[in-house]
Amino acid sequence: MATTPDCLMSGDQPASSWLSQSPLNGAPLSPTTMFLLLLSLFGSLLFTITYLIEGITRPGYDALREPVSALSLGLGGWVQQANFIIFGLIGLCTVSATRSVLRGGLG
């Protein structure tokens, strides 16, 4: 595991004490945080699977030439529109958990 040089730290704190302040130092996550992170994973997978299936089954859609948002047009566009809305809501619900895990430290 790479350590962060002491010159990059604020003050004269050694890297080992900086790492112990990280939320991912081996301490278990709260059940709420874990649920929200899993919800985020599920939302990402659901979004990807939905647009892949939509793209495969949509006649005339070419994934190399058209963006995913083109699937929201036409008769079956409601599926991709719902996909965008659901993924956005899941993202808003899970942002606090993601921030709590990524908080602290360099980078």
C-alpha atoms as a PDB file:
ATOM      1  CA  MET A   1       0.000   0.000   0.000  1.00  0.00           C
ATOM      2  CA  ALA A   2       1.382   3.376  -0.962  1.00  0.00           C
ATOM      3  CA  THR A   3       1.751   5.965   1.744  1.00  0.00           C
ATOM      4  CA  THR A   4       1.319   9.675   1.321  1.00  0.00           C
ATOM      5  CA  PRO A   5       4.529  11.644   1.821  1.00  0.00           C
ATOM      6  CA  ASP A   6       4.623  13.708   4.976  1.00  0.00           C
ATOM      7  CA  CYS A   7       5.354  16.852   2.940  1.00  0.00           C
ATOM      8  CA  LEU A   8       1.827  16.623   1.481  1.00  0.00           C
ATOM      9  CA  MET A   9       0.175  16.619   4.892  1.00  0.00           C
ATOM     10  CA  SER A  10      -1.000  19.698   6.701  1.00  0.00           C
ATOM     11  CA  GLY A  11       1.254  20.359   9.650  1.00  0.00           C
ATOM     12  CA  ASP A  12       3.757  17.815  10.912  1.00  0.00           C
ATOM     13  CA  GLN A  13       1.312  14.927  11.114  1.00  0.00           C
ATOM     14  CA  PRO A  14       2.795  11.571  10.060  1.00  0.00           C
ATOM     15  CA  ALA A  15       0.994   9.657   7.336  1.00  0.00           C
ATOM     16  CA  SER A  16      -0.087   6.886   9.702  1.00  0.00           C
ATOM     17  CA  SER A  17      -2.124   9.267  11.868  1.00  0.00           C
ATOM     18  CA  TRP A  18      -3.668  10.832   8.761  1.00  0.00           C
ATOM     19  CA  LEU A  19      -4.747   7.407   7.498  1.00  0.00           C
ATOM     20  CA  SER A  20      -6.347   6.541  10.819  1.00  0.00           C
ATOM     21  CA  GLN A  21      -8.709   9.489  10.352  1.00  0.00           C
ATOM     22  CA  SER A  22     -10.047   8.085   7.092  1.00  0.00           C
ATOM     23  CA  PRO A  23     -13.605   6.700   7.268  1.00  0.00           C
ATOM     24  CA  LEU A  24     -12.435   3.557   5.461  1.00  0.00           C
ATOM     25  CA  ASN A  25      -9.738   2.545   7.947  1.00  0.00           C
ATOM     26  CA  GLY A  26     -11.304  -0.844   8.562  1.00  0.00           C
ATOM     27  CA  ALA A  27     -14.141   0.368  10.768  1.00  0.00           C
ATOM     28  CA  PRO A  28     -17.520  -1.008   9.727  1.00  0.00           C
ATOM     29  CA  LEU A  29     -19.920   1.330   7.967  1.00  0.00           C
ATOM     30  CA  SER A  30     -23.282   2.076   9.528  1.00  0.00           C
ATOM     31  CA  PRO A  31     -26.205   0.028   8.187  1.00  0.00           C
ATOM     32  CA  THR A  32     -27.767   3.154   6.664  1.00  0.00           C
ATOM     33  CA  THR A  33     -24.562   4.091   4.842  1.00  0.00           C
ATOM     34  CA  MET A  34     -24.106   0.531   3.598  1.00  0.00           C
ATOM     35  CA  PHE A  35     -27.715   0.414   2.373  1.00  0.00           C
ATOM     36  CA  LEU A  36     -27.331   3.706   0.515  1.00  0.00           C
ATOM     37  CA  LEU A  37     -24.071   2.590  -1.101  1.00  0.00           C
ATOM     38  CA  LEU A  38     -25.697  -0.661  -2.236  1.00  0.00           C
ATOM     39  CA  LEU A  39     -28.671   1.336  -3.536  1.00  0.00           C
ATOM     40  CA  SER A  40     -26.226   3.438  -5.534  1.00  0.00           C
ATOM     41  CA  LEU A  41     -24.679   0.300  -7.011  1.00  0.00           C
ATOM     42  CA  PHE A  42     -28.105  -1.118  -7.809  1.00  0.00           C
ATOM     43  CA  GLY A  43     -29.164   2.165  -9.447  1.00  0.00           C
ATOM     44  CA  SER A  44     -26.096   2.221 -11.666  1.00  0.00           C
ATOM     45  CA  LEU A  45     -26.639  -1.374 -12.754  1.00  0.00           C
ATOM     46  CA  LEU A  46     -30.346  -0.779 -13.366  1.00  0.00           C
ATOM     47  CA  PHE A  47     -29.604   2.308 -15.475  1.00  0.00           C
ATOM     48  CA  THR A  48     -27.015   0.478 -17.573  1.00  0.00           C
ATOM     49  CA  ILE A  49     -29.107  -2.655 -18.083  1.00  0.00           C
ATOM     50  CA  THR A  50     -32.159  -0.592 -19.025  1.00  0.00           C
ATOM     51  CA  TYR A  51     -30.442   1.464 -21.708  1.00  0.00           C
ATOM     52  CA  LEU A  52     -28.643  -1.597 -23.093  1.00  0.00           C
ATOM     53  CA  ILE A  53     -31.913  -3.508 -23.458  1.00  0.00           C
ATOM     54  CA  GLU A  54     -33.632  -0.427 -24.885  1.00  0.00           C
ATOM     55  CA  GLY A  55     -30.796   0.072 -27.361  1.00  0.00           C
ATOM     56  CA  ILE A  56     -30.836  -3.527 -28.515  1.00  0.00           C
ATOM     57  CA  THR A  57     -34.593  -3.691 -28.958  1.00  0.00           C
ATOM     58  CA  ARG A  58     -35.105  -0.220 -30.488  1.00  0.00           C
ATOM     59  CA  PRO A  59     -35.275  -0.468 -34.294  1.00  0.00           C
ATOM     60  CA  GLY A  60     -33.000   2.022 -36.040  1.00  0.00           C
ATOM     61  CA  TYR A  61     -30.954   2.897 -32.957  1.00  0.00           C
ATOM     62  CA  ASP A  62     -27.190   2.750 -33.465  1.00  0.00           C
ATOM     63  CA  ALA A  63     -25.204   3.008 -30.220  1.00  0.00           C
ATOM     64  CA  LEU A  64     -22.056   4.049 -32.073  1.00  0.00           C
ATOM     65  CA  ARG A  65     -23.733   7.024 -33.733  1.00  0.00           C
ATOM     66  CA  GLU A  66     -26.361   8.142 -31.243  1.00  0.00           C
ATOM     67  CA  PRO A  67     -26.189   9.042 -27.553  1.00  0.00           C
ATOM     68  CA  VAL A  68     -28.140   7.152 -24.917  1.00  0.00           C
ATOM     69  CA  SER A  69     -30.461  10.135 -24.558  1.00  0.00           C
ATOM     70  CA  ALA A  70     -31.743   9.491 -28.109  1.00  0.00           C
ATOM     71  CA  LEU A  71     -33.604   6.528 -26.633  1.00  0.00           C
ATOM     72  CA  SER A  72     -35.905   8.979 -24.835  1.00  0.00           C
ATOM     73  CA  LEU A  73     -37.415  10.050 -28.172  1.00  0.00           C
ATOM     74  CA  GLY A  74     -40.259   8.358 -30.000  1.00  0.00           C
ATOM     75  CA  LEU A  75     -42.987   5.984 -28.907  1.00  0.00           C
ATOM     76  CA  GLY A  76     -40.898   3.963 -26.461  1.00  0.00           C
ATOM     77  CA  GLY A  77     -39.115   7.018 -25.132  1.00  0.00           C
ATOM     78  CA  TRP A  78     -40.996   6.914 -21.851  1.00  0.00           C
ATOM     79  CA  VAL A  79     -38.852   3.957 -20.742  1.00  0.00           C
ATOM     80  CA  GLN A  80     -35.597   5.899 -21.053  1.00  0.00           C
ATOM     81  CA  GLN A  81     -37.199   9.017 -19.553  1.00  0.00           C
ATOM     82  CA  ALA A  82     -38.273   6.976 -16.522  1.00  0.00           C
ATOM     83  CA  ASN A  83     -34.772   5.475 -16.415  1.00  0.00           C
ATOM     84  CA  PHE A  84     -33.215   8.958 -16.245  1.00  0.00           C
ATOM     85  CA  ILE A  85     -35.630  10.091 -13.525  1.00  0.00           C
ATOM     86  CA  ILE A  86     -35.183   6.986 -11.361  1.00  0.00           C
ATOM     87  CA  PHE A  87     -31.399   7.083 -11.697  1.00  0.00           C
ATOM     88  CA  GLY A  88     -31.382  10.782 -10.804  1.00  0.00           C
ATOM     89  CA  LEU A  89     -33.526  10.204  -7.711  1.00  0.00           C
ATOM     90  CA  ILE A  90     -31.330   7.323  -6.580  1.00  0.00           C
ATOM     91  CA  GLY A  91     -28.285   9.533  -7.089  1.00  0.00           C
ATOM     92  CA  LEU A  92     -29.801  12.289  -4.958  1.00  0.00           C
ATOM     93  CA  CYS A  93     -30.712   9.802  -2.211  1.00  0.00           C
ATOM     94  CA  THR A  94     -27.246   8.277  -2.070  1.00  0.00           C
ATOM     95  CA  VAL A  95     -25.060  11.374  -2.329  1.00  0.00           C
ATOM     96  CA  SER A  96     -24.764  11.761   1.465  1.00  0.00           C
ATOM     97  CA  ALA A  97     -23.463   8.213   1.902  1.00  0.00           C
ATOM     98  CA  THR A  98     -20.990   8.602  -0.932  1.00  0.00           C
ATOM     99  CA  ARG A  99     -19.725  11.859   0.523  1.00  0.00           C
ATOM    100  CA  SER A 100     -19.321  10.370   3.992  1.00  0.00           C
ATOM    101  CA  VAL A 101     -17.188   7.541   2.609  1.00  0.00           C
ATOM    102  CA  LEU A 102     -15.063   9.835   0.438  1.00  0.00           C
ATOM    103  CA  ARG A 103     -14.637  12.542   3.069  1.00  0.00           C
ATOM    104  CA  GLY A 104     -11.248  13.398   4.448  1.00  0.00           C
ATOM    105  CA  GLY A 105      -7.835  12.977   3.022  1.00  0.00           C
ATOM    106  CA  LEU A 106      -5.996  14.095  -0.027  1.00  0.00           C
ATOM    107  CA  GLY A 107      -7.362  13.808  -3.497  1.00  0.00           C
END
